Protein backbone atom coordinates (compact mmCIF):
# COMPACT_ATOMS: atom_id res chain seq x y z
CA MET A 1 179.85 67.37 204.44
CA ARG A 2 181.05 65.83 201.17
CA THR A 3 178.98 62.71 201.80
CA THR A 4 175.85 64.85 202.26
CA VAL A 5 176.51 66.69 198.98
CA LYS A 6 177.07 63.40 197.14
CA LEU A 7 173.90 61.87 198.58
CA THR A 8 171.91 64.96 197.66
CA ALA A 9 173.27 64.85 194.11
CA ILE A 10 172.44 61.16 193.81
CA ALA A 11 168.92 61.74 195.14
CA LEU A 12 168.34 64.61 192.70
CA THR A 13 169.63 62.54 189.78
CA ALA A 14 167.42 59.59 190.73
CA GLY A 15 164.41 61.88 191.05
CA ALA A 16 165.05 63.43 187.65
CA MET A 17 165.40 60.01 186.07
CA ALA A 18 162.19 58.77 187.69
CA SER A 19 160.23 61.80 186.52
CA GLY A 20 161.64 61.33 183.01
CA LEU A 21 160.50 57.72 182.97
CA ALA A 22 157.04 58.70 184.14
CA ALA A 23 156.77 61.27 181.34
CA THR A 24 157.86 58.67 178.80
CA ASP A 25 155.25 56.19 180.00
CA ALA A 26 152.50 58.81 179.76
CA THR A 27 153.36 59.59 176.14
CA ALA A 28 153.45 55.88 175.29
CA LEU A 29 149.72 55.50 175.92
CA PRO A 30 147.72 54.88 172.74
CA ARG A 31 145.50 57.53 171.23
CA CYS A 32 142.47 55.79 169.77
CA ARG A 33 139.61 56.85 167.52
CA PRO A 34 136.09 55.41 167.20
CA PRO A 35 135.76 51.97 165.56
CA VAL A 36 136.07 51.69 161.78
CA GLU A 37 134.72 48.92 159.54
CA GLY A 38 136.50 47.22 156.67
CA THR A 39 134.71 44.82 154.31
CA ALA A 40 135.68 42.58 151.43
CA SER A 41 134.58 39.49 149.55
CA ALA A 42 136.63 36.95 147.63
CA THR A 43 136.21 33.61 145.90
CA GLY A 44 138.08 30.40 146.57
CA ILE A 45 137.72 26.86 147.83
CA LEU A 46 138.89 25.08 151.00
CA GLY A 47 139.19 28.31 153.00
CA ALA A 48 141.18 30.20 150.39
CA GLY A 49 138.28 32.58 149.73
CA THR A 50 137.93 33.38 153.42
CA GLN A 51 141.66 33.98 153.75
CA LYS A 52 141.66 36.34 150.76
CA ALA A 53 138.58 38.14 152.08
CA GLN A 54 140.25 38.64 155.47
CA ILE A 55 143.35 40.14 153.87
CA GLU A 56 141.30 42.43 151.66
CA ALA A 57 139.02 43.48 154.55
CA ARG A 58 142.08 44.42 156.58
CA GLU A 59 143.43 46.45 153.65
CA ASN A 60 140.03 48.11 153.26
CA TRP A 61 140.10 48.97 156.98
CA ARG A 62 143.60 50.46 156.64
CA TYR A 63 142.60 52.54 153.62
CA THR A 64 139.46 53.86 155.35
CA VAL A 65 141.35 54.72 158.55
CA ALA A 66 144.12 56.51 156.62
CA ARG A 67 141.50 58.55 154.77
CA LEU A 68 139.61 59.44 157.97
CA TYR A 69 142.39 59.91 160.53
CA GLY A 70 145.72 59.79 158.71
CA ARG A 71 148.35 57.13 158.09
CA ARG A 72 149.59 57.13 161.70
CA TYR A 73 146.32 55.49 162.77
CA ALA A 74 146.22 52.99 159.89
CA ASP A 75 148.47 50.32 161.44
CA PHE A 76 146.22 47.30 162.03
CA TYR A 77 148.73 45.88 164.52
CA ASN A 78 148.04 48.86 166.86
CA ALA A 79 144.25 48.62 166.52
CA GLN A 80 142.21 47.63 169.56
CA ASN A 81 138.98 45.65 170.01
CA LYS A 82 139.32 43.81 166.69
CA GLN A 83 136.19 41.87 165.76
CA TRP A 84 135.96 39.61 162.71
CA ASP A 85 132.85 38.22 161.02
CA CYS A 86 133.45 36.01 157.99
CA LYS A 87 130.70 34.10 156.17
CA LYS A 88 130.42 32.01 153.07
CA GLY A 89 127.73 33.47 150.86
CA ALA A 90 127.48 31.27 147.80
CA ILE A 91 129.40 28.12 146.99
CA LEU A 92 132.73 29.88 146.39
CA LEU A 93 132.11 33.41 147.71
CA ALA A 94 133.27 34.46 151.19
CA LYS A 95 132.62 37.84 152.81
CA CYS A 96 134.54 39.25 155.77
CA VAL A 97 133.91 42.29 157.92
CA VAL A 98 136.40 43.61 160.46
CA VAL A 99 135.64 46.32 163.00
CA ALA A 100 138.46 47.80 165.09
CA LYS A 101 139.44 50.97 166.92
CA PRO A 102 142.38 52.64 165.15
CA CYS A 103 145.13 53.66 167.58
CA ARG A 104 148.52 55.30 167.39
CA TYR A 105 151.34 55.50 169.91
C-alpha cells in the first residue's frame, strides 16, 4: 500500500514538472513584428566607412523599432531574418541598409 502511494506521488510530481516545463517552453517562443529598415551612410577608407555605416544603420534600426514597437523589441541580437546591403557610393562614402524582423522573448 505504501509503495503504491509513493509511486502515485512520484508520478504526480513528475507530471506537474513536465507540464511546467512545457508551459515555460511555450512562453519562450519569440514574438515578432513585421520587418523594419535601418539606413545610414558614413565616410572612410579601407572599409572604415562601411563599418561605420553598418553600426549607424543598426542604431537607426534600433531607434525605429523602439519608436514603433517599444524598447523590448529593439534588441538587434533577437531580430530575425537580418538582411544587409552595403554599397560604396562615392570615393569615400558608404551606405548601408539593414532589414530585420524585431522580436522579443
